[in-house]
Amino acid sequence: MSDIPSTSEPRDQGAARPGDAEPDAPESVASIGIRDPEDAVPESASKADATKPDRENATEPDEDTDWAHPSPVPVPWLAELQVEAPAPVRTATLWAALATGLLSMLLLGDGLALNLVMVAIPAALAAYFAAQAAGRRPRAWTLVWGVGGIALLAVPALRDADWPSFLAVVSAVALGSMAVHGGRTWPAVLLGPIGILNALVTGPAWGWRGLRERSGSSRGNVGSGLRALAVTAVLLLVFGALFAGADAAFADLLGALVPDTSVSGGPWRFLLLLLGLVGALAVAHTAAAPIQWDRVEVPAGRPRGRLEWALPLIVLTGLFAAFNAVQLAVLFGGYESVLKKTGQTYAEYARQGFWQLLLVTLLTLLVIVFALRWAPRDGGRDRKLVRGVLGTLCVLALVVVASAVRRMDMYVEAYGLTRLRVSVVAVELWLGLVILLIMAAGVWGARWLPRVVAASAAAGVLAFGLVSPDGLIAERNVQRYEDTGKFDLDYARGLSADAVPALDQLKEPLRSCALRSIAADLEGGAEPWYATSWGEARARDILRDRPVSKDADWSACNGLSDELLYR
């Protein structure tokens, strides 16, 4: 890819350069502003800007930039954050967008699995070609967002459960938006997806203009390409039909590989074609002319006096310390004395504590954000005060996180694991990671914090999908049944096919009762290979080798459910 020289506007005199800040100066959340405008659209995209005389004095972009290209003059409002004239659309971009639309039409109508990755790849290529035409170069963080988004789309291909797949798809869209927009500030991380929505209108118009220009100037080339596609389709249709009629095995293979294009689903397929085409053009247009969210400035909070700022936080820190001291006393002294004194059961004590501690963690993060915004900034003593107070509060908050996770573990031991319980534990662990990142930002600066927090959230969603939550729930509850004899059969029936390998370890008739509903959902013709998850395929193989027993009818299973639940 050719690199186009880039320029950047002079910084404001008050803006700090990466090397100008004092090594021990903490950065507040509000001060994570726009120091080096990132991902501006190159002047080569505008003919008027390309002839500016000061282009010779250009400076290279900051190394931390995702997509390096010249920066426009700072602008005051959102309507001015997007350059009006993106680079002309390339032929490669149009072909990639067309491929996205065709694959969406052929593959997405039967379900979501590996076909999501197959559709996302040409859409990513369309964005790459458009960014290249605009003079934007992919940097390290761009690759992180792009590769991470594709990896998240692999979760539906591996897991049959809908809820982790939904989280993964939403996170993949967010990462894709960050890849085409770039940016390293909180506004860029939080507002990036809005730019994609705006391009749903401007992107198709931009692509249509490029198509008209090419059809008007090179009608012969367009006609030749269309004729070649038509001849190729006819040859594949004729010879494919003949080979299928000559050999039944080849006909089965062809039927498994070729998507269903029946006329009955024509309107739905056409809608998928439009969605894929419009989506790819929107992504490509955003890559060619992204909204400069890094130009959105967050006004700094007014610093407070030391007493006004520190006194509430010191008192709060003392409250945290007292609570954690009690937790340590209970941990080493045993729960029996606490339960006897409070009159609570083991499970009640665990359930009562977790939700309050989860809320404490969330509120602690809010307190840290506002404390950083109003922190005193008069000198070195203020910086030491901020670090000392907030650092102590963060350490004590980590102890609260550990206590909350322990409470949920106790609750799971008493009542078993569910989707809600595993989800909130995952959120609590991620919040603890965010607190650690804030502590690191207090030592090494907060310039990197927005992107690392976003990357940690995406990595958490990816890990959550890869560990198979439904499989983990079934495995934990099967182990609890072996230890205690208690089993929530009604809940196990509602799990997805990902739970089949763990539930298959149960003894009859409990095994058949737990698998009966899942087996009923998997009955009938299987989805095409590109719309079938690995979890579903594995469950089908297990149930085919060991079918559900016909003796386990609904009346017998309902009686068994009551017996196991209240044992």
Protein backbone atom coordinates (compact mmCIF):
# COMPACT_ATOMS: atom_id res chain seq x y z
CA MET A 1 0.00 0.00 0.00
CA SER A 2 1.42 3.38 -0.90
CA ASP A 3 1.83 5.91 1.91
CA ILE A 4 0.81 9.49 1.25
CA PRO A 5 2.73 12.19 3.14
CA SER A 6 0.62 13.60 5.92
CA THR A 7 0.34 16.91 7.67
CA SER A 8 -0.99 17.93 11.02
CA GLU A 9 -2.08 21.26 12.39
CA PRO A 10 0.03 22.87 15.13
CA ARG A 11 -0.99 21.97 18.60
CA ASP A 12 -2.50 24.47 20.95
CA GLN A 13 0.09 26.10 23.13
CA GLY A 14 -1.60 24.69 26.20
CA ALA A 15 -1.73 21.14 24.88
CA ALA A 16 0.78 18.71 26.28
CA ARG A 17 3.02 16.61 24.11
CA PRO A 18 3.78 13.00 25.05
CA GLY A 19 7.24 13.91 26.23
CA ASP A 20 6.33 17.21 27.93
CA ALA A 21 4.30 15.83 30.84
CA GLU A 22 6.03 15.24 34.13
CA PRO A 23 6.71 11.53 34.66
CA ASP A 24 4.73 11.39 37.87
CA ALA A 25 1.79 13.51 36.78
CA PRO A 26 -1.48 11.53 36.80
CA GLU A 27 -3.94 12.08 34.01
CA SER A 28 -7.56 12.58 34.93
CA VAL A 29 -10.36 11.15 32.90
CA ALA A 30 -11.40 14.61 31.83
CA SER A 31 -7.89 15.48 30.71
CA ILE A 32 -7.70 12.60 28.26
CA GLY A 33 -8.43 15.01 25.48
CA ILE A 34 -7.32 15.60 21.93
CA ARG A 35 -3.60 16.11 21.93
CA ASP A 36 -2.68 14.60 18.62
CA PRO A 37 -5.67 14.64 16.24
CA GLU A 38 -5.96 11.13 14.95
CA ASP A 39 -7.45 9.61 11.83
CA ALA A 40 -8.14 12.83 10.00
CA VAL A 41 -8.94 12.46 6.32
CA PRO A 42 -5.98 13.18 4.05
CA GLU A 43 -5.75 16.37 2.10
CA SER A 44 -5.39 14.25 -1.01
CA ALA A 45 -9.11 13.51 -0.69
CA SER A 46 -9.88 17.16 -1.40
CA LYS A 47 -8.57 18.88 -4.51
CA ALA A 48 -8.72 22.28 -2.86
CA ASP A 49 -6.61 21.16 0.08
CA ALA A 50 -4.11 19.32 -2.09
CA THR A 51 -2.75 22.58 -3.48
CA LYS A 52 -2.16 24.37 -0.19
CA PRO A 53 1.29 26.00 -0.08
CA ASP A 54 2.06 24.91 3.49
CA ARG A 55 2.02 21.24 2.52
CA GLU A 56 5.81 21.29 2.28
CA ASN A 57 6.07 21.90 6.01
CA ALA A 58 4.13 18.73 6.83
CA THR A 59 5.02 16.66 9.86
CA GLU A 60 4.64 12.94 10.16
CA PRO A 61 1.75 11.59 12.28
CA ASP A 62 2.21 10.45 15.81
CA GLU A 63 3.32 6.81 16.09
CA ASP A 64 0.29 6.08 18.24
CA THR A 65 -2.07 6.86 15.37
CA ASP A 66 -4.22 4.02 14.00
CA TRP A 67 -4.68 5.45 10.50
CA ALA A 68 -2.03 8.04 9.65
CA HIS A 69 -3.15 10.92 7.49
CA PRO A 70 -3.36 14.72 7.63
CA SER A 71 -5.54 16.44 10.18
CA PRO A 72 -8.12 19.09 9.28
CA VAL A 73 -8.44 22.37 11.11
CA PRO A 74 -10.11 21.82 14.51
CA VAL A 75 -13.85 22.28 14.24
CA PRO A 76 -16.37 23.09 16.95
CA TRP A 77 -19.31 20.77 16.37
CA LEU A 78 -20.26 17.28 15.26
CA ALA A 79 -21.51 18.34 11.83
CA GLU A 80 -18.01 19.56 11.04
CA LEU A 81 -16.20 16.48 12.34
CA GLN A 82 -16.54 14.57 9.08
CA VAL A 83 -14.79 15.70 5.93
CA GLU A 84 -17.37 16.30 3.19
CA ALA A 85 -15.37 14.93 0.26
CA PRO A 86 -14.04 11.37 0.75
CA ALA A 87 -11.64 9.87 -1.72
CA PRO A 88 -13.32 8.54 -4.90
CA VAL A 89 -14.48 4.98 -4.58
CA ARG A 90 -12.14 2.39 -6.06
CA THR A 91 -13.19 -0.46 -8.31
CA ALA A 92 -11.84 -2.94 -5.77
CA THR A 93 -14.09 -1.39 -3.13
CA LEU A 94 -17.15 -1.83 -5.34
CA TRP A 95 -16.29 -5.46 -6.07
CA ALA A 96 -15.76 -6.18 -2.35
CA ALA A 97 -19.11 -4.54 -1.49
CA LEU A 98 -20.83 -6.59 -4.19
CA ALA A 99 -19.25 -9.77 -2.83
CA THR A 100 -20.53 -8.87 0.63
CA GLY A 101 -24.06 -8.42 -0.67
CA LEU A 102 -24.03 -11.68 -2.64
CA LEU A 103 -22.63 -13.69 0.27
CA SER A 104 -25.22 -12.14 2.58
CA MET A 105 -27.98 -13.17 0.18
CA LEU A 106 -26.69 -16.73 -0.21
CA LEU A 107 -25.48 -17.53 3.30
CA LEU A 108 -27.29 -15.50 5.97
CA GLY A 109 -30.82 -16.72 5.31
CA ASP A 110 -30.38 -20.07 7.09
CA GLY A 111 -28.96 -18.97 10.43
CA LEU A 112 -25.80 -17.48 11.88
CA ALA A 113 -22.57 -19.40 12.31
CA LEU A 114 -19.45 -19.49 10.15
CA ASN A 115 -21.31 -17.52 7.46
CA LEU A 116 -20.88 -14.35 9.57
CA VAL A 117 -17.10 -14.57 9.18
CA MET A 118 -17.46 -15.31 5.47
CA VAL A 119 -19.57 -12.16 5.00
CA ALA A 120 -17.37 -9.98 7.22
CA ILE A 121 -14.16 -10.67 5.30
CA PRO A 122 -15.16 -8.95 2.00
CA ALA A 123 -16.70 -6.09 4.00
CA ALA A 124 -13.36 -5.63 5.76
CA LEU A 125 -11.61 -5.67 2.39
CA ALA A 126 -13.96 -2.96 1.12
CA ALA A 127 -12.99 -0.78 4.10
CA TYR A 128 -9.30 -1.51 3.52
CA PHE A 129 -9.44 -0.52 -0.16
CA ALA A 130 -11.38 2.65 0.65
CA ALA A 131 -8.94 3.65 3.39
CA GLN A 132 -6.01 2.97 1.08
CA ALA A 133 -7.49 5.25 -1.58
CA ALA A 134 -7.89 7.96 1.07
CA GLY A 135 -4.24 7.68 2.04
CA ARG A 136 -4.85 6.04 5.41
CA ARG A 137 -2.38 3.45 6.66
CA PRO A 138 -3.38 0.69 9.09
CA ARG A 139 -1.54 0.88 12.39
CA ALA A 140 -1.20 -1.56 15.27
CA TRP A 141 -4.46 -0.64 16.99
CA THR A 142 -6.35 -0.81 13.69
CA LEU A 143 -5.21 -4.41 13.31
CA VAL A 144 -6.17 -5.13 16.91
CA TRP A 145 -9.72 -3.90 16.34
CA GLY A 146 -10.07 -5.61 12.96
CA VAL A 147 -8.68 -8.99 14.00
CA GLY A 148 -10.58 -8.82 17.28
CA GLY A 149 -13.85 -8.16 15.47
CA ILE A 150 -13.35 -11.14 13.15
CA ALA A 151 -12.43 -13.34 16.13
CA LEU A 152 -15.63 -12.33 17.94
CA LEU A 153 -17.69 -13.34 14.91
CA ALA A 154 -16.27 -16.85 15.32
CA VAL A 155 -18.23 -17.31 18.56
CA PRO A 156 -21.56 -18.05 16.75
CA ALA A 157 -19.66 -20.58 14.64
CA LEU A 158 -18.55 -22.43 17.78
CA ARG A 159 -21.46 -22.06 20.20
CA ASP A 160 -25.13 -22.89 19.82
CA ALA A 161 -26.28 -20.64 22.68
CA ASP A 162 -27.79 -17.37 21.47
CA TRP A 163 -26.86 -15.08 24.37
CA PRO A 164 -23.03 -15.26 24.15
CA SER A 165 -23.31 -15.11 20.37
CA PHE A 166 -25.40 -11.93 20.58
CA LEU A 167 -22.84 -10.29 22.88
CA ALA A 168 -20.06 -11.32 20.51
CA VAL A 169 -21.79 -9.89 17.42
CA VAL A 170 -22.54 -6.57 19.14
CA SER A 171 -18.95 -6.33 20.35
CA ALA A 172 -17.67 -7.18 16.86
CA VAL A 173 -19.70 -4.30 15.38
CA ALA A 174 -18.23 -1.94 17.99
CA LEU A 175 -14.67 -3.08 17.24
CA GLY A 176 -15.27 -2.76 13.50
CA SER A 177 -16.43 0.81 14.02
CA MET A 178 -13.29 1.59 16.00
CA ALA A 179 -11.17 0.02 13.27
CA VAL A 180 -12.55 2.28 10.52
CA HIS A 181 -12.80 5.41 12.69
CA GLY A 182 -9.63 5.10 14.70
CA GLY A 183 -9.28 7.33 17.71
CA ARG A 184 -7.81 6.92 21.15
CA THR A 185 -9.98 9.05 23.44
CA TRP A 186 -13.12 8.27 25.40
CA PRO A 187 -15.42 10.03 22.87
CA ALA A 188 -13.83 8.00 20.05
CA VAL A 189 -14.30 4.74 21.94
CA LEU A 190 -17.87 5.42 23.08
CA LEU A 191 -19.32 7.26 20.06
CA GLY A 192 -17.64 5.44 17.19
CA PRO A 193 -20.64 3.28 16.14
CA ILE A 194 -22.69 6.44 15.45
CA GLY A 195 -20.48 7.18 12.45
CA ILE A 196 -21.42 3.85 10.86
CA LEU A 197 -25.13 4.70 11.22
CA ASN A 198 -24.59 8.04 9.52
CA ALA A 199 -22.78 6.33 6.63
CA LEU A 200 -25.76 4.05 5.93
CA VAL A 201 -27.14 6.92 3.85
CA THR A 202 -23.98 8.53 2.51
CA GLY A 203 -22.19 5.26 1.76
CA PRO A 204 -24.59 3.90 -0.90
CA ALA A 205 -24.78 7.32 -2.60
CA TRP A 206 -20.98 7.46 -2.66
CA GLY A 207 -20.80 3.98 -4.18
CA TRP A 208 -23.50 4.81 -6.75
CA ARG A 209 -21.57 7.86 -7.92
CA GLY A 210 -18.46 5.76 -8.38
CA LEU A 211 -20.40 3.12 -10.30
CA ARG A 212 -21.93 5.73 -12.63
CA GLU A 213 -18.52 7.23 -13.32
CA ARG A 214 -17.14 3.87 -14.29
CA SER A 215 -20.11 2.85 -16.41
CA GLY A 216 -19.98 6.18 -18.24
CA SER A 217 -16.25 6.17 -18.99
CA SER A 218 -15.67 2.47 -19.59
CA ARG A 219 -18.87 0.86 -20.77
CA GLY A 220 -16.89 -1.77 -22.61
CA ASN A 221 -15.11 -2.99 -19.49
CA VAL A 222 -18.34 -3.13 -17.46
CA GLY A 223 -20.12 -4.98 -20.24
CA SER A 224 -17.26 -7.46 -20.57
CA GLY A 225 -17.32 -8.16 -16.84
CA LEU A 226 -21.07 -8.74 -16.83
CA ARG A 227 -20.86 -11.04 -19.83
CA ALA A 228 -18.08 -13.03 -18.18
CA LEU A 229 -20.15 -13.46 -15.03
CA ALA A 230 -23.18 -14.58 -17.04
CA VAL A 231 -21.19 -17.15 -19.03
CA THR A 232 -19.59 -18.48 -15.84
CA ALA A 233 -22.97 -18.89 -14.15
CA VAL A 234 -24.43 -20.72 -17.17
CA LEU A 235 -21.47 -23.12 -17.38
CA LEU A 236 -21.62 -23.92 -13.66
CA LEU A 237 -25.37 -24.47 -13.81
CA VAL A 238 -25.33 -26.73 -16.87
CA PHE A 239 -22.32 -28.87 -16.03
CA GLY A 240 -23.13 -28.95 -12.31
CA ALA A 241 -26.61 -30.31 -13.08
CA LEU A 242 -25.17 -32.95 -15.42
CA PHE A 243 -22.57 -34.13 -12.90
CA ALA A 244 -25.19 -34.21 -10.15
CA GLY A 245 -27.44 -36.38 -12.31
CA ALA A 246 -24.57 -38.72 -13.11
CA ASP A 247 -23.48 -39.42 -9.54
CA ALA A 248 -25.63 -39.41 -6.39
CA ALA A 249 -22.64 -38.85 -4.08
CA PHE A 250 -21.62 -35.77 -6.06
CA ALA A 251 -25.23 -34.55 -5.95
CA ASP A 252 -25.23 -34.83 -2.13
CA LEU A 253 -21.91 -32.99 -1.94
CA LEU A 254 -23.17 -30.27 -4.25
CA GLY A 255 -26.37 -29.91 -2.27
CA ALA A 256 -24.41 -29.50 0.95
CA LEU A 257 -22.02 -26.92 -0.49
CA VAL A 258 -24.33 -24.80 -2.63
CA PRO A 259 -26.74 -22.51 -0.71
CA ASP A 260 -30.47 -22.83 -1.21
CA THR A 261 -31.69 -20.22 -3.71
CA SER A 262 -35.32 -21.26 -4.04
CA VAL A 263 -37.79 -18.75 -5.43
CA SER A 264 -40.00 -18.96 -2.32
CA GLY A 265 -37.41 -17.10 -0.29
CA GLY A 266 -36.78 -14.50 -2.99
CA PRO A 267 -37.92 -11.35 -1.10
CA TRP A 268 -35.97 -12.32 2.00
CA ARG A 269 -32.86 -13.08 -0.06
CA PHE A 270 -33.17 -9.76 -1.88
CA LEU A 271 -33.42 -7.93 1.45
CA LEU A 272 -30.26 -9.69 2.64
CA LEU A 273 -28.53 -8.64 -0.58
CA LEU A 274 -29.43 -5.00 0.05
CA LEU A 275 -28.40 -5.17 3.69
CA GLY A 276 -25.03 -6.65 2.86
CA LEU A 277 -24.37 -4.21 0.03
CA VAL A 278 -25.46 -1.13 1.99
CA GLY A 279 -23.55 -2.24 5.08
CA ALA A 280 -20.32 -2.82 3.16
CA LEU A 281 -20.59 0.57 1.42
CA ALA A 282 -21.30 2.28 4.75
CA VAL A 283 -18.20 0.72 6.31
CA ALA A 284 -16.09 1.62 3.27
CA HIS A 285 -17.34 5.21 3.23
CA THR A 286 -16.55 5.54 6.93
CA ALA A 287 -13.03 4.25 6.31
CA ALA A 288 -12.61 6.84 3.52
CA ALA A 289 -14.05 9.77 5.51
CA PRO A 290 -14.31 8.95 9.23
CA ILE A 291 -15.86 11.18 11.83
CA GLN A 292 -13.09 12.71 13.93
CA TRP A 293 -14.36 11.83 17.39
CA ASP A 294 -10.96 12.70 18.82
CA ARG A 295 -11.84 16.34 18.08
CA VAL A 296 -14.65 16.20 20.65
CA GLU A 297 -13.17 17.91 23.68
CA VAL A 298 -14.33 16.99 27.17
CA PRO A 299 -14.16 20.12 29.34
CA ALA A 300 -11.91 19.71 32.33
CA GLY A 301 -13.51 19.82 35.75
CA ARG A 302 -12.79 22.66 38.11
CA PRO A 303 -10.16 21.51 40.62
CA ARG A 304 -11.26 21.53 44.25
CA GLY A 305 -9.32 22.39 47.36
CA ARG A 306 -7.46 19.66 49.18
CA LEU A 307 -9.84 19.55 52.14
CA GLU A 308 -12.98 19.65 50.00
CA TRP A 309 -11.65 16.90 47.74
CA ALA A 310 -9.79 14.65 50.16
CA LEU A 311 -12.03 14.55 53.24
CA PRO A 312 -14.97 12.61 51.66
CA LEU A 313 -12.60 10.18 49.97
CA ILE A 314 -10.57 9.54 53.12
CA VAL A 315 -13.75 8.82 55.09
CA LEU A 316 -14.95 6.50 52.30
CA THR A 317 -11.57 4.74 52.31
CA GLY A 318 -11.90 4.21 56.06
CA LEU A 319 -15.34 2.64 55.53
CA PHE A 320 -13.86 0.30 52.89
CA ALA A 321 -11.06 -0.65 55.28
CA ALA A 322 -13.53 -1.46 58.07
CA PHE A 323 -15.65 -3.63 55.78
CA ASN A 324 -12.63 -5.50 54.47
CA ALA A 325 -11.38 -6.07 58.01
CA VAL A 326 -14.70 -7.73 58.85
CA GLN A 327 -14.44 -9.87 55.71
CA LEU A 328 -10.97 -11.05 56.71
CA ALA A 329 -12.18 -11.83 60.24
CA VAL A 330 -15.07 -13.89 58.85
CA LEU A 331 -12.76 -15.66 56.42
CA PHE A 332 -10.30 -16.75 59.10
CA GLY A 333 -12.82 -17.16 61.89
CA GLY A 334 -15.29 -19.22 59.92
CA TYR A 335 -18.84 -18.58 58.82
CA GLU A 336 -20.51 -20.51 61.62
CA SER A 337 -20.27 -17.72 64.18
CA VAL A 338 -21.54 -15.13 61.70
CA LEU A 339 -24.50 -17.29 60.66
CA LYS A 340 -25.36 -18.02 64.26
CA LYS A 341 -25.25 -14.35 65.17
CA THR A 342 -27.28 -13.13 62.17
CA GLY A 343 -29.70 -16.05 62.01
CA GLN A 344 -29.12 -16.44 58.27
CA THR A 345 -28.50 -19.61 56.32
CA TYR A 346 -25.30 -20.19 54.36
CA ALA A 347 -27.02 -19.47 51.04
CA GLU A 348 -28.88 -16.40 52.37
CA TYR A 349 -25.62 -14.88 53.61
CA ALA A 350 -23.99 -15.39 50.21
CA ARG A 351 -26.94 -14.12 48.18
CA GLN A 352 -27.46 -11.05 50.34
CA GLY A 353 -23.86 -9.94 49.95
CA PHE A 354 -23.13 -10.37 46.26
CA TRP A 355 -25.50 -7.88 44.70
CA GLN A 356 -24.63 -5.15 47.18
CA LEU A 357 -20.92 -5.68 46.57
CA LEU A 358 -21.42 -5.60 42.81
CA LEU A 359 -23.17 -2.24 43.19
CA VAL A 360 -20.33 -1.06 45.45
CA THR A 361 -17.83 -1.86 42.69
CA LEU A 362 -19.79 0.08 40.10
CA LEU A 363 -20.23 3.09 42.40
CA THR A 364 -16.54 3.00 43.27
CA LEU A 365 -15.64 3.42 39.60
CA LEU A 366 -17.98 6.41 39.37
CA VAL A 367 -16.43 7.93 42.48
CA ILE A 368 -12.95 7.51 40.97
CA VAL A 369 -14.05 9.16 37.72
CA PHE A 370 -15.50 12.23 39.45
CA ALA A 371 -12.63 12.38 41.92
CA LEU A 372 -10.14 12.53 39.04
CA ARG A 373 -12.20 15.23 37.38
CA TRP A 374 -12.16 17.45 40.47
CA ALA A 375 -8.71 16.50 41.77
CA PRO A 376 -6.46 19.36 42.96
CA ARG A 377 -3.65 20.10 40.49
CA ASP A 378 -1.53 22.83 42.05
CA GLY A 379 1.74 20.93 42.40
CA GLY A 380 3.65 17.83 43.35
CA ARG A 381 2.00 17.55 46.77
CA ASP A 382 -1.42 17.46 45.13
CA ARG A 383 -0.31 14.72 42.78
CA LYS A 384 0.98 12.64 45.68
CA LEU A 385 -2.29 13.20 47.55
CA VAL A 386 -4.36 12.08 44.54
CA ARG A 387 -2.24 9.00 44.01
CA GLY A 388 -2.22 8.05 47.66
CA VAL A 389 -5.95 8.44 48.31
CA LEU A 390 -7.23 6.97 45.05
CA GLY A 391 -4.60 4.23 45.02
CA THR A 392 -5.65 3.11 48.50
CA LEU A 393 -9.32 3.23 47.49
CA CYS A 394 -8.60 1.10 44.40
CA VAL A 395 -6.72 -1.52 46.44
CA LEU A 396 -9.58 -1.77 48.92
CA ALA A 397 -12.07 -1.96 46.03
CA LEU A 398 -10.17 -4.98 44.69
CA VAL A 399 -10.71 -6.70 48.04
CA VAL A 400 -14.42 -5.96 47.67
CA VAL A 401 -14.34 -7.55 44.21
CA ALA A 402 -12.71 -10.68 45.64
CA SER A 403 -15.32 -10.80 48.41
CA ALA A 404 -18.16 -10.49 45.89
CA VAL A 405 -16.78 -13.33 43.78
CA ARG A 406 -16.43 -15.48 46.88
CA ARG A 407 -20.03 -14.74 47.87
CA MET A 408 -21.27 -15.87 44.46
CA ASP A 409 -19.20 -19.03 44.69
CA MET A 410 -20.90 -19.82 47.99
CA TYR A 411 -24.29 -19.16 46.43
CA VAL A 412 -23.52 -21.45 43.49
CA GLU A 413 -22.48 -24.21 45.89
CA ALA A 414 -25.90 -23.96 47.52
CA TYR A 415 -28.16 -23.47 44.50
CA GLY A 416 -26.16 -24.31 41.38
CA LEU A 417 -24.85 -22.25 38.46
CA THR A 418 -27.16 -20.32 36.13
CA ARG A 419 -26.72 -17.97 33.19
CA LEU A 420 -27.39 -14.91 35.31
CA ARG A 421 -24.91 -15.96 37.98
CA VAL A 422 -22.09 -16.75 35.57
CA SER A 423 -22.74 -13.49 33.71
CA VAL A 424 -22.59 -11.23 36.75
CA VAL A 425 -19.44 -12.94 38.00
CA ALA A 426 -17.83 -12.27 34.64
CA VAL A 427 -18.87 -8.60 34.87
CA GLU A 428 -17.51 -8.34 38.41
CA LEU A 429 -14.16 -9.79 37.33
CA TRP A 430 -13.96 -7.34 34.43
CA LEU A 431 -14.72 -4.43 36.75
CA GLY A 432 -11.84 -5.57 38.92
CA LEU A 433 -9.61 -5.53 35.84
CA VAL A 434 -10.73 -1.98 35.06
CA ILE A 435 -9.75 -0.92 38.57
CA LEU A 436 -6.29 -2.45 38.03
CA LEU A 437 -5.98 -0.54 34.75
CA ILE A 438 -6.91 2.71 36.49
CA MET A 439 -4.21 2.06 39.07
CA ALA A 440 -1.69 1.47 36.28
CA ALA A 441 -2.82 4.69 34.58
CA GLY A 442 -2.08 6.58 37.78
CA VAL A 443 1.53 5.42 37.54
CA TRP A 444 2.23 5.47 33.79
CA GLY A 445 -0.32 7.97 32.52
CA ALA A 446 -3.85 7.53 31.14
CA ARG A 447 -3.22 8.14 27.45
CA TRP A 448 -3.66 4.47 26.63
CA LEU A 449 -6.54 3.82 29.05
CA PRO A 450 -9.63 4.20 26.77
CA ARG A 451 -8.39 1.78 24.13
CA VAL A 452 -7.09 -0.77 26.62
CA VAL A 453 -10.39 -0.75 28.54
CA ALA A 454 -12.27 -1.29 25.26
CA ALA A 455 -9.88 -4.07 24.26
CA SER A 456 -10.28 -5.75 27.66
CA ALA A 457 -14.08 -5.67 27.31
CA ALA A 458 -13.87 -7.26 23.84
CA ALA A 459 -11.41 -9.87 25.09
CA GLY A 460 -13.75 -10.65 27.97
CA VAL A 461 -16.71 -11.16 25.62
CA LEU A 462 -14.56 -13.38 23.39
CA ALA A 463 -13.34 -15.48 26.31
CA PHE A 464 -16.90 -15.70 27.64
CA GLY A 465 -18.07 -17.16 24.34
CA LEU A 466 -15.14 -19.51 23.91
CA VAL A 467 -15.51 -21.14 27.33
CA SER A 468 -19.11 -22.09 26.41
CA PRO A 469 -21.24 -20.72 29.28
CA ASP A 470 -24.04 -23.26 28.82
CA GLY A 471 -21.50 -26.08 28.80
CA LEU A 472 -19.89 -24.68 31.95
CA ILE A 473 -23.28 -24.38 33.66
CA ALA A 474 -24.20 -27.96 32.82
CA GLU A 475 -20.79 -29.27 33.89
CA ARG A 476 -20.93 -27.46 37.23
CA ASN A 477 -24.49 -28.61 37.96
CA VAL A 478 -23.68 -32.21 37.04
CA GLN A 479 -20.76 -32.09 39.47
CA ARG A 480 -23.06 -30.63 42.14
CA TYR A 481 -25.51 -33.50 41.53
CA GLU A 482 -22.76 -36.05 42.05
CA ASP A 483 -21.72 -34.35 45.29
CA THR A 484 -25.12 -33.51 46.81
CA GLY A 485 -27.75 -35.43 44.84
CA LYS A 486 -29.55 -32.15 43.98
CA PHE A 487 -30.24 -31.20 40.38
CA ASP A 488 -32.45 -28.53 38.77
CA LEU A 489 -33.84 -30.58 35.90
CA ASP A 490 -36.21 -27.89 34.65
CA TYR A 491 -33.36 -25.43 34.24
CA ALA A 492 -31.17 -28.01 32.48
CA ARG A 493 -33.92 -28.60 29.90
CA GLY A 494 -33.70 -24.96 28.82
CA LEU A 495 -29.99 -25.00 28.02
CA SER A 496 -28.67 -25.03 24.48
CA ALA A 497 -26.95 -27.83 22.58
CA ASP A 498 -23.63 -26.69 24.08
CA ALA A 499 -24.68 -28.42 27.32
CA VAL A 500 -25.15 -31.85 25.73
CA PRO A 501 -21.60 -33.20 26.36
CA ALA A 502 -21.89 -32.50 30.11
CA LEU A 503 -25.50 -33.68 30.46
CA ASP A 504 -24.59 -36.84 28.58
CA GLN A 505 -22.56 -37.91 31.64
CA LEU A 506 -25.71 -38.30 33.76
CA LYS A 507 -27.17 -41.72 34.42
CA GLU A 508 -30.53 -42.83 33.09
CA PRO A 509 -33.31 -41.87 33.37
CA LEU A 510 -32.00 -38.45 34.41
CA ARG A 511 -29.86 -38.20 31.29
CA SER A 512 -32.77 -38.69 28.91
CA CYS A 513 -34.98 -36.34 30.90
CA ALA A 514 -32.34 -33.59 30.74
CA LEU A 515 -31.66 -34.10 27.02
CA ARG A 516 -35.22 -34.64 25.84
CA SER A 517 -36.01 -30.97 25.09
CA ILE A 518 -32.64 -30.34 23.45
CA ALA A 519 -33.01 -33.44 21.30
CA ALA A 520 -36.48 -32.29 20.21
CA ASP A 521 -35.04 -28.93 19.12
CA LEU A 522 -32.35 -30.69 17.09
CA GLU A 523 -34.75 -33.04 15.32
CA GLY A 524 -35.44 -32.60 11.64
CA GLY A 525 -33.12 -31.59 8.85
CA ALA A 526 -29.83 -30.05 9.84
CA GLU A 527 -28.96 -26.53 8.73
CA PRO A 528 -26.36 -26.04 5.99
CA TRP A 529 -22.75 -26.43 7.06
CA TYR A 530 -22.11 -22.70 7.01
CA ALA A 531 -25.10 -22.04 9.32
CA THR A 532 -24.42 -24.86 11.80
CA SER A 533 -22.33 -24.22 14.89
CA TRP A 534 -19.74 -26.66 16.12
CA GLY A 535 -21.65 -27.04 19.38
CA GLU A 536 -24.80 -28.08 17.52
CA ALA A 537 -22.91 -30.52 15.28
CA ARG A 538 -21.24 -32.14 18.29
CA ALA A 539 -24.57 -32.46 20.09
CA ARG A 540 -26.12 -34.16 17.06
CA ASP A 541 -23.27 -36.67 16.98
CA ILE A 542 -23.70 -37.51 20.68
CA LEU A 543 -27.47 -37.91 20.42
CA ARG A 544 -27.13 -40.00 17.29
CA ASP A 545 -24.75 -42.41 19.03
CA ARG A 546 -26.78 -42.46 22.27
CA PRO A 547 -30.41 -41.52 21.55
CA VAL A 548 -32.78 -40.34 24.23
CA SER A 549 -34.59 -43.23 25.93
CA LYS A 550 -38.25 -43.58 25.00
CA ASP A 551 -39.05 -44.73 28.54
CA ALA A 552 -38.31 -41.26 29.93
CA ASP A 553 -41.72 -39.71 29.28
CA TRP A 554 -42.83 -36.31 30.55
CA SER A 555 -44.73 -37.62 33.58
CA ALA A 556 -41.75 -39.64 34.81
CA CYS A 557 -39.37 -36.72 34.22
CA ASN A 558 -41.62 -34.26 36.08
CA GLY A 559 -41.74 -36.55 39.10
CA LEU A 560 -37.97 -36.96 38.99
CA SER A 561 -37.54 -33.18 38.77
CA ASP A 562 -39.49 -32.56 41.99
CA GLU A 563 -37.62 -35.32 43.79
CA LEU A 564 -34.17 -33.99 42.87
CA LEU A 565 -34.97 -30.33 43.45
CA TYR A 566 -36.24 -30.72 47.02
CA ARG A 567 -34.03 -33.59 48.12
